[in-house]
Amino acid sequence: MSFIQIVLKPGKEQSILRRHPWVFSGAIKGMTGIPKNGDVVAVHDSSGKWLGLGHYAEGSISVRIFEFEKAELSPSIWKDKIAAAFSARKSLGFTDNAQTNIYRLVHAEGDGMPGLIIDVYNKTAVIQTHSAGMSSVRNELVSALQEVLGDRITSVYDKSAEKLSKNSGVASENTYLLGKKEDDVCLENGCKFRIDWEEGQKTGFFIDQRENRNLLGALSKGKKVLNTFCYTGGFSVYALKNGASLVHSLDSSQKALDLTEENIRLNDLDSSKHGLIKADAVEYMKNLKEDYDIIVLDPPAFAKHLSARHKAVQGYKRINSAAISQIKKGGIIFTFSCSQAVDKQLFTNTIISSAIETGRNIRILHQLHQPADHPINIYHPEGEYLKGLVLAVD
């Protein structure tokens, strides 16, 4: 099979030789044809040497390379990649786990499949394609999932419509590619959660906070906890299950609060120790009515693009300054950023700025990040998106 060739400008092949999977539009010298959005193209250096195969896209990132080894497209490429991703999760104990049946099976560039996320919720796999190229092979992905996972999954839901429309201008609809809706109550470290993969944020749950929720639980016995931006109440469930004396779940969305309340009931937790607060987090924390021992700050991404980075930094600074100034002496703050455009150092510097503004003595107890089922391709450091700090405030 022959592909349209993308020819790079002299010197622009260096990042590809280092196996970074992105080709930016400014690096392209020319093309041997006119590729359509989502087409597989062959990337060559200025002298004509083959470098890799990838999906073409209109925009700043013109090619996302998924194959560095072979100049031909193997018929089994997606099965082989899914099999490798599954094998890695199996070796790490994420599959066939009696206490946890929620995990990320494919993490885009981290698994050599740029533009693709696959999350497993018990027997349902939720696919989210972020590029026209990955969307075009979704039926092949379903076949690969069936072959590799067997009866571990009985349904596959494609939840790509919003991302595809926004990222690629491709019209799509969210739909089941295999089976139908199965049991939506799933387990994470023995905690039950109802997952709304059809209407919820992302694929339905913030899987990347699994280990951080566990850490919070370990610190919660006898403590008063405020969980801001609670969404499904993950941190709240762990806190109550581990003996917190009081937990308040705060969100501006009534739907999120309703789902949090349902998850509290699912786990048979003492509802008298739990309260729901519908409010803006920054405004609410300007004058806290409880002397909380632990505050969780897990906001949505304030910056999804570099152009919004300055505004995002100001947002993180405001919310952290409010929490640091209000929390009781000896309190603990779990603070996070999931903005890819805000790197680890910038996030830490922002928290330092907040601390200086309040004048309180603060120590970093833990530096947190995404778990092993969200791997970072060492040649694509941009894949490290989740940053977190656990702060002790004196």
Protein backbone atom coordinates (compact mmCIF):
# COMPACT_ATOMS: atom_id res chain seq x y z
CA MET A 1 0.00 0.00 0.00
CA SER A 2 1.37 3.42 -0.92
CA PHE A 3 0.73 6.52 1.17
CA ILE A 4 0.94 10.22 0.56
CA GLN A 5 4.38 11.38 1.66
CA ILE A 6 4.89 14.21 4.12
CA VAL A 7 8.37 15.66 3.52
CA LEU A 8 10.00 17.58 6.34
CA LYS A 9 12.22 20.63 6.17
CA PRO A 10 15.95 20.03 6.73
CA GLY A 11 16.68 19.46 10.42
CA LYS A 12 13.03 19.00 11.37
CA GLU A 13 13.45 15.21 11.48
CA GLN A 14 15.45 15.34 14.73
CA SER A 15 12.47 15.13 17.06
CA ILE A 16 11.03 12.23 15.02
CA LEU A 17 14.37 10.40 15.19
CA ARG A 18 14.05 10.79 18.96
CA ARG A 19 10.63 9.12 18.56
CA HIS A 20 8.51 12.11 19.47
CA PRO A 21 5.20 11.29 17.74
CA TRP A 22 4.09 14.76 16.63
CA VAL A 23 4.84 16.51 13.34
CA PHE A 24 3.94 20.20 13.47
CA SER A 25 2.66 22.00 10.40
CA GLY A 26 5.62 24.39 10.42
CA ALA A 27 8.03 21.46 10.03
CA ILE A 28 6.55 20.36 6.69
CA LYS A 29 8.37 21.21 3.47
CA GLY A 30 5.90 19.58 1.10
CA MET A 31 3.58 16.68 0.26
CA THR A 32 3.28 14.30 -2.66
CA GLY A 33 -0.49 14.70 -2.69
CA ILE A 34 -3.37 16.24 -0.78
CA PRO A 35 -4.21 14.10 2.27
CA LYS A 36 -7.64 14.15 3.84
CA ASN A 37 -8.21 14.59 7.54
CA GLY A 38 -7.56 11.17 9.12
CA ASP A 39 -5.56 9.63 6.25
CA VAL A 40 -2.53 7.49 7.00
CA VAL A 41 0.56 9.26 5.66
CA ALA A 42 4.25 8.40 5.46
CA VAL A 43 6.67 10.89 7.00
CA HIS A 44 10.05 11.39 5.28
CA ASP A 45 13.02 13.61 6.00
CA SER A 46 14.22 16.19 3.46
CA SER A 47 16.46 13.61 1.75
CA GLY A 48 13.59 11.16 1.29
CA LYS A 49 14.40 8.79 4.17
CA TRP A 50 11.31 7.14 5.67
CA LEU A 51 10.65 8.05 9.32
CA GLY A 52 7.21 6.75 10.27
CA LEU A 53 3.51 6.30 9.58
CA GLY A 54 0.87 8.47 11.16
CA HIS A 55 -2.58 9.99 10.91
CA TYR A 56 -2.82 13.30 9.10
CA ALA A 57 -4.85 16.14 10.60
CA GLU A 58 -5.51 19.74 9.71
CA GLY A 59 -4.16 22.10 12.31
CA SER A 60 -1.01 22.78 14.31
CA ILE A 61 -0.18 19.09 14.84
CA SER A 62 -0.32 17.80 11.27
CA VAL A 63 0.71 14.19 11.86
CA ARG A 64 0.51 11.93 14.89
CA ILE A 65 2.90 9.02 14.31
CA PHE A 66 1.82 5.58 15.50
CA GLU A 67 4.42 3.43 13.68
CA PHE A 68 8.19 3.98 13.77
CA GLU A 69 9.31 0.47 12.86
CA LYS A 70 7.65 -0.58 9.58
CA ALA A 71 7.03 1.32 6.36
CA GLU A 72 4.00 -0.85 5.65
CA LEU A 73 0.76 -0.92 7.62
CA SER A 74 0.39 -4.34 9.25
CA PRO A 75 -3.12 -5.84 9.08
CA SER A 76 -2.81 -6.71 12.78
CA ILE A 77 -1.39 -3.39 13.95
CA TRP A 78 -4.29 -2.40 16.21
CA LYS A 79 -4.69 -5.87 17.65
CA ASP A 80 -0.97 -5.99 18.41
CA LYS A 81 -1.06 -2.59 20.09
CA ILE A 82 -4.17 -3.43 22.14
CA ALA A 83 -2.55 -6.73 23.15
CA ALA A 84 0.62 -4.94 24.30
CA ALA A 85 -1.41 -2.42 26.31
CA PHE A 86 -3.48 -5.18 27.91
CA SER A 87 -0.37 -7.21 28.76
CA ALA A 88 1.14 -4.19 30.51
CA ARG A 89 -2.02 -3.65 32.60
CA LYS A 90 -2.20 -7.35 33.43
CA SER A 91 1.39 -7.40 34.68
CA LEU A 92 0.60 -4.39 36.90
CA GLY A 93 -2.45 -6.07 38.44
CA PHE A 94 -5.14 -3.89 36.88
CA THR A 95 -6.97 -6.72 35.10
CA ASP A 96 -8.90 -9.55 36.81
CA ASN A 97 -8.75 -7.63 40.08
CA ALA A 98 -11.48 -8.51 42.59
CA GLN A 99 -11.26 -5.08 44.28
CA THR A 100 -10.87 -2.84 41.21
CA ASN A 101 -12.55 -3.34 37.83
CA ILE A 102 -11.95 0.21 36.58
CA TYR A 103 -8.75 0.95 34.68
CA ARG A 104 -7.35 2.70 31.62
CA LEU A 105 -6.45 0.20 28.91
CA VAL A 106 -5.07 2.63 26.31
CA HIS A 107 -3.50 6.00 27.12
CA ALA A 108 -2.86 7.63 23.73
CA GLU A 109 0.84 8.38 23.14
CA GLY A 110 1.71 6.45 26.31
CA ASP A 111 0.65 3.28 24.50
CA GLY A 112 1.74 4.24 21.00
CA MET A 113 -1.78 5.15 19.89
CA PRO A 114 -1.99 8.96 19.69
CA GLY A 115 -5.55 10.24 19.70
CA LEU A 116 -7.05 7.19 21.46
CA ILE A 117 -8.29 6.59 25.00
CA ILE A 118 -9.91 3.32 26.09
CA ASP A 119 -11.21 2.96 29.64
CA VAL A 120 -12.60 -0.27 31.07
CA TYR A 121 -15.54 -0.20 33.48
CA ASN A 122 -16.16 -3.78 34.55
CA LYS A 123 -17.41 -5.40 31.31
CA THR A 124 -17.77 -2.19 29.30
CA ALA A 125 -14.94 -0.60 27.32
CA VAL A 126 -15.41 3.10 26.61
CA ILE A 127 -13.56 4.41 23.57
CA GLN A 128 -12.77 8.07 23.10
CA THR A 129 -11.06 9.04 19.85
CA HIS A 130 -9.55 12.51 19.64
CA SER A 131 -8.57 12.37 15.96
CA ALA A 132 -10.25 11.57 12.65
CA GLY A 133 -7.61 8.91 12.03
CA MET A 134 -8.39 6.94 15.17
CA SER A 135 -12.11 7.37 14.58
CA SER A 136 -11.73 5.79 11.13
CA VAL A 137 -10.39 2.53 12.64
CA ARG A 138 -12.91 2.23 15.47
CA ASN A 139 -14.42 -0.98 14.08
CA GLU A 140 -10.95 -2.50 13.92
CA LEU A 141 -10.42 -1.43 17.52
CA VAL A 142 -13.63 -3.17 18.59
CA SER A 143 -12.53 -6.38 16.86
CA ALA A 144 -9.13 -6.10 18.56
CA LEU A 145 -10.77 -5.61 21.97
CA GLN A 146 -12.90 -8.71 21.45
CA GLU A 147 -9.91 -10.81 20.40
CA VAL A 148 -7.60 -9.63 23.17
CA LEU A 149 -9.97 -9.27 26.13
CA GLY A 150 -12.42 -12.03 25.19
CA ASP A 151 -15.34 -12.34 27.59
CA ARG A 152 -13.83 -9.76 29.93
CA ILE A 153 -15.90 -7.21 28.00
CA THR A 154 -19.41 -7.55 26.61
CA SER A 155 -20.01 -4.00 25.36
CA VAL A 156 -18.06 -1.16 23.77
CA TYR A 157 -19.31 2.41 23.93
CA ASP A 158 -17.89 5.10 21.64
CA LYS A 159 -17.93 8.46 23.43
CA SER A 160 -16.05 10.55 20.87
CA ALA A 161 -18.61 12.98 19.46
CA GLU A 162 -17.64 16.05 21.49
CA LYS A 163 -13.87 15.54 21.26
CA LEU A 164 -13.95 14.73 17.54
CA SER A 165 -16.08 17.73 16.70
CA LYS A 166 -13.87 20.06 18.73
CA ASN A 167 -10.48 18.64 17.71
CA SER A 168 -11.09 17.55 14.11
CA GLY A 169 -14.40 18.99 12.97
CA VAL A 170 -15.66 15.44 12.40
CA ALA A 171 -19.37 14.80 12.91
CA SER A 172 -20.00 11.74 15.04
CA GLU A 173 -22.46 10.39 17.58
CA ASN A 174 -21.95 8.62 20.84
CA THR A 175 -23.15 5.06 20.46
CA TYR A 176 -22.62 1.42 21.36
CA LEU A 177 -20.34 -0.29 18.85
CA LEU A 178 -20.84 -3.61 20.61
CA GLY A 179 -23.57 -4.85 22.93
CA LYS A 180 -25.67 -2.53 25.09
CA LYS A 181 -25.50 -0.79 28.43
CA GLU A 182 -24.34 -3.15 31.16
CA ASP A 183 -24.20 -2.81 34.94
CA ASP A 184 -22.84 0.67 35.63
CA VAL A 185 -21.88 0.07 39.27
CA CYS A 186 -18.15 -0.59 39.35
CA LEU A 187 -15.42 -1.13 41.95
CA GLU A 188 -12.31 0.83 42.82
CA ASN A 189 -10.25 -0.41 45.78
CA GLY A 190 -13.43 -2.00 47.12
CA CYS A 191 -15.46 1.24 46.84
CA LYS A 192 -18.59 1.20 44.69
CA PHE A 193 -19.24 3.91 42.10
CA ARG A 194 -22.03 4.38 39.60
CA ILE A 195 -20.36 5.38 36.35
CA ASP A 196 -22.22 7.51 33.85
CA TRP A 197 -20.14 6.86 30.73
CA GLU A 198 -22.96 8.03 28.46
CA GLU A 199 -23.48 11.52 29.92
CA GLY A 200 -20.67 12.04 32.44
CA GLN A 201 -17.43 13.97 32.08
CA LYS A 202 -14.52 12.39 30.18
CA THR A 203 -15.37 8.68 29.91
CA GLY A 204 -17.48 8.83 33.06
CA PHE A 205 -14.97 8.81 35.91
CA PHE A 206 -11.61 10.31 36.85
CA ILE A 207 -9.68 7.06 36.89
CA ASP A 208 -6.37 8.90 37.16
CA GLN A 209 -7.03 9.85 40.81
CA ARG A 210 -7.29 6.24 42.08
CA GLU A 211 -4.05 6.20 44.09
CA ASN A 212 -4.50 9.76 45.30
CA ARG A 213 -7.98 8.95 46.60
CA ASN A 214 -6.46 5.99 48.45
CA LEU A 215 -3.85 8.25 50.05
CA LEU A 216 -6.53 10.69 51.16
CA GLY A 217 -8.47 7.81 52.72
CA ALA A 218 -5.41 6.78 54.72
CA LEU A 219 -5.19 10.29 56.21
CA SER A 220 -8.91 10.82 56.89
CA LYS A 221 -9.67 8.93 60.10
CA GLY A 222 -11.34 11.29 62.57
CA LYS A 223 -10.87 14.28 60.25
CA LYS A 224 -13.19 16.92 58.81
CA VAL A 225 -12.85 16.95 55.03
CA LEU A 226 -13.95 19.45 52.37
CA ASN A 227 -13.98 17.96 48.86
CA THR A 228 -14.29 20.78 46.32
CA PHE A 229 -15.15 20.15 42.65
CA CYS A 230 -16.39 16.79 43.95
CA TYR A 231 -17.95 15.53 40.68
CA THR A 232 -18.84 11.89 41.52
CA GLY A 233 -17.64 12.19 45.12
CA GLY A 234 -14.63 9.89 44.78
CA PHE A 235 -12.54 11.57 47.47
CA SER A 236 -15.63 11.86 49.69
CA VAL A 237 -16.37 8.13 49.53
CA TYR A 238 -12.77 7.22 50.44
CA ALA A 239 -12.74 9.71 53.33
CA LEU A 240 -15.98 8.43 54.85
CA LYS A 241 -15.05 4.78 54.31
CA ASN A 242 -11.83 5.39 56.22
CA GLY A 243 -13.46 6.99 59.25
CA ALA A 244 -13.68 10.73 58.57
CA SER A 245 -15.81 12.46 61.19
CA LEU A 246 -17.37 14.86 58.66
CA VAL A 247 -17.20 15.21 54.88
CA HIS A 248 -18.63 18.06 52.81
CA SER A 249 -18.85 17.59 49.03
CA LEU A 250 -18.91 20.84 47.08
CA ASP A 251 -19.71 21.38 43.41
CA SER A 252 -21.48 24.00 41.31
CA SER A 253 -23.37 21.23 39.45
CA GLN A 254 -26.50 19.73 41.00
CA LYS A 255 -26.06 16.66 38.79
CA ALA A 256 -22.62 16.08 40.30
CA LEU A 257 -23.98 16.46 43.81
CA ASP A 258 -26.79 13.99 43.10
CA LEU A 259 -24.29 11.43 41.80
CA THR A 260 -22.07 11.97 44.83
CA GLU A 261 -25.02 11.37 47.14
CA GLU A 262 -25.88 8.17 45.26
CA ASN A 263 -22.31 6.90 45.60
CA ILE A 264 -22.41 7.57 49.34
CA ARG A 265 -25.58 5.42 49.55
CA LEU A 266 -24.08 2.66 47.36
CA ASN A 267 -21.29 2.20 49.89
CA ASP A 268 -23.65 2.13 52.90
CA LEU A 269 -21.83 5.06 54.48
CA ASP A 270 -23.18 7.16 57.34
CA SER A 271 -25.07 9.97 55.58
CA SER A 272 -25.26 11.95 58.83
CA LYS A 273 -21.52 12.57 58.47
CA HIS A 274 -21.88 13.84 54.91
CA GLY A 275 -23.18 17.12 53.55
CA LEU A 276 -23.66 18.52 50.04
CA ILE A 277 -22.79 22.11 49.15
CA LYS A 278 -23.80 23.69 45.86
CA ALA A 279 -21.50 26.67 45.44
CA ASP A 280 -18.57 28.23 43.65
CA ALA A 281 -15.46 26.82 45.32
CA VAL A 282 -13.40 30.03 45.45
CA GLU A 283 -16.29 32.10 46.79
CA TYR A 284 -17.20 29.46 49.38
CA MET A 285 -13.64 29.20 50.69
CA LYS A 286 -13.36 32.91 51.33
CA ASN A 287 -15.20 32.37 54.61
CA LEU A 288 -15.28 28.74 55.71
CA LYS A 289 -17.81 27.88 58.39
CA GLU A 290 -16.04 24.66 59.45
CA ASP A 291 -12.51 24.13 60.72
CA TYR A 292 -11.62 21.54 58.11
CA ASP A 293 -8.62 19.28 58.67
CA ILE A 294 -8.33 18.38 54.97
CA ILE A 295 -9.31 20.32 51.85
CA VAL A 296 -9.26 18.73 48.38
CA LEU A 297 -8.78 21.03 45.38
CA ASP A 298 -9.32 19.03 42.18
CA PRO A 299 -10.62 21.53 39.62
CA PRO A 300 -11.25 20.84 35.95
CA ALA A 301 -8.49 21.79 33.53
CA PHE A 302 -8.17 25.58 33.70
CA ALA A 303 -5.98 25.57 30.56
CA LYS A 304 -6.47 23.14 27.71
CA HIS A 305 -4.16 25.12 25.42
CA LEU A 306 -0.97 27.17 25.84
CA SER A 307 -2.88 30.33 24.96
CA ALA A 308 -4.90 29.98 28.17
CA ARG A 309 -1.94 29.20 30.44
CA HIS A 310 -1.63 32.61 32.11
CA LYS A 311 -5.34 32.70 32.91
CA ALA A 312 -5.11 29.15 34.29
CA VAL A 313 -2.19 30.04 36.57
CA GLN A 314 -4.21 32.91 38.01
CA GLY A 315 -7.12 30.54 38.61
CA TYR A 316 -4.93 28.01 40.44
CA LYS A 317 -3.38 30.80 42.48
CA ARG A 318 -6.76 32.18 43.58
CA ILE A 319 -8.19 28.86 44.67
CA ASN A 320 -5.04 27.74 46.49
CA SER A 321 -4.61 31.10 48.22
CA ALA A 322 -8.18 30.83 49.51
CA ALA A 323 -7.67 27.29 50.80
CA ILE A 324 -4.29 28.00 52.39
CA SER A 325 -5.53 31.12 54.15
CA GLN A 326 -8.68 29.42 55.48
CA ILE A 327 -7.60 25.93 56.55
CA LYS A 328 -7.00 25.31 60.26
CA LYS A 329 -3.48 25.15 61.73
CA GLY A 330 -2.06 21.69 61.12
CA GLY A 331 -4.44 21.10 58.20
CA ILE A 332 -3.66 19.27 54.97
CA ILE A 333 -4.45 20.36 51.40
CA PHE A 334 -4.59 18.02 48.41
CA THR A 335 -4.18 20.30 45.39
CA PHE A 336 -4.15 19.25 41.73
CA SER A 337 -3.85 20.45 38.16
CA CYS A 338 -4.87 18.33 35.17
CA SER A 339 -3.98 21.07 32.66
CA GLN A 340 -1.41 19.71 30.21
CA ALA A 341 -0.38 23.28 29.38
CA VAL A 342 0.70 23.83 33.01
CA ASP A 343 3.76 21.71 33.69
CA LYS A 344 4.89 20.38 37.05
CA GLN A 345 7.33 23.20 37.78
CA LEU A 346 4.89 25.94 36.84
CA PHE A 347 2.20 24.37 39.01
CA THR A 348 4.58 24.11 41.98
CA ASN A 349 5.72 27.70 41.48
CA THR A 350 2.07 28.80 41.44
CA ILE A 351 1.44 27.06 44.77
CA ILE A 352 4.60 28.67 46.19
CA SER A 353 3.26 32.06 45.09
CA SER A 354 -0.04 31.32 46.86
CA ALA A 355 1.83 30.31 50.00
CA ILE A 356 3.92 33.50 49.99
CA GLU A 357 0.76 35.55 49.60
CA THR A 358 -0.77 34.01 52.74
CA GLY A 359 2.42 34.12 54.82
CA ARG A 360 1.78 30.68 56.35
CA ASN A 361 4.41 28.00 56.92
CA ILE A 362 3.86 25.14 54.47
CA ARG A 363 5.58 21.82 53.82
CA ILE A 364 5.16 19.50 50.84
CA LEU A 365 4.36 16.00 52.11
CA HIS A 366 3.73 14.25 48.79
CA GLN A 367 4.15 14.99 45.10
CA LEU A 368 1.37 13.25 43.19
CA HIS A 369 0.88 12.24 39.58
CA GLN A 370 -1.11 9.97 37.28
CA PRO A 371 -1.04 6.20 37.93
CA ALA A 372 0.69 3.44 35.98
CA ASP A 373 -2.31 2.70 33.75
CA HIS A 374 -1.85 6.27 32.43
CA PRO A 375 1.77 5.78 31.29
CA ILE A 376 3.94 8.59 29.97
CA ASN A 377 5.87 7.92 26.77
CA ILE A 378 9.41 8.93 27.71
CA TYR A 379 9.81 10.54 24.27
CA HIS A 380 6.56 12.50 24.74
CA PRO A 381 6.82 14.27 28.11
CA GLU A 382 3.67 16.23 27.27
CA GLY A 383 1.80 13.08 28.34
CA GLU A 384 2.44 13.95 31.99
CA TYR A 385 -0.68 16.00 32.60
CA LEU A 386 -1.77 15.29 36.21
CA LYS A 387 0.18 17.12 38.90
CA GLY A 388 -0.61 17.16 42.60
CA LEU A 389 0.83 18.25 45.93
CA VAL A 390 -0.13 17.32 49.48
CA LEU A 391 0.58 20.31 51.70
CA ALA A 392 0.83 20.54 55.48
CA VAL A 393 -0.19 24.03 56.60
CA ASP A 394 0.98 25.32 59.99
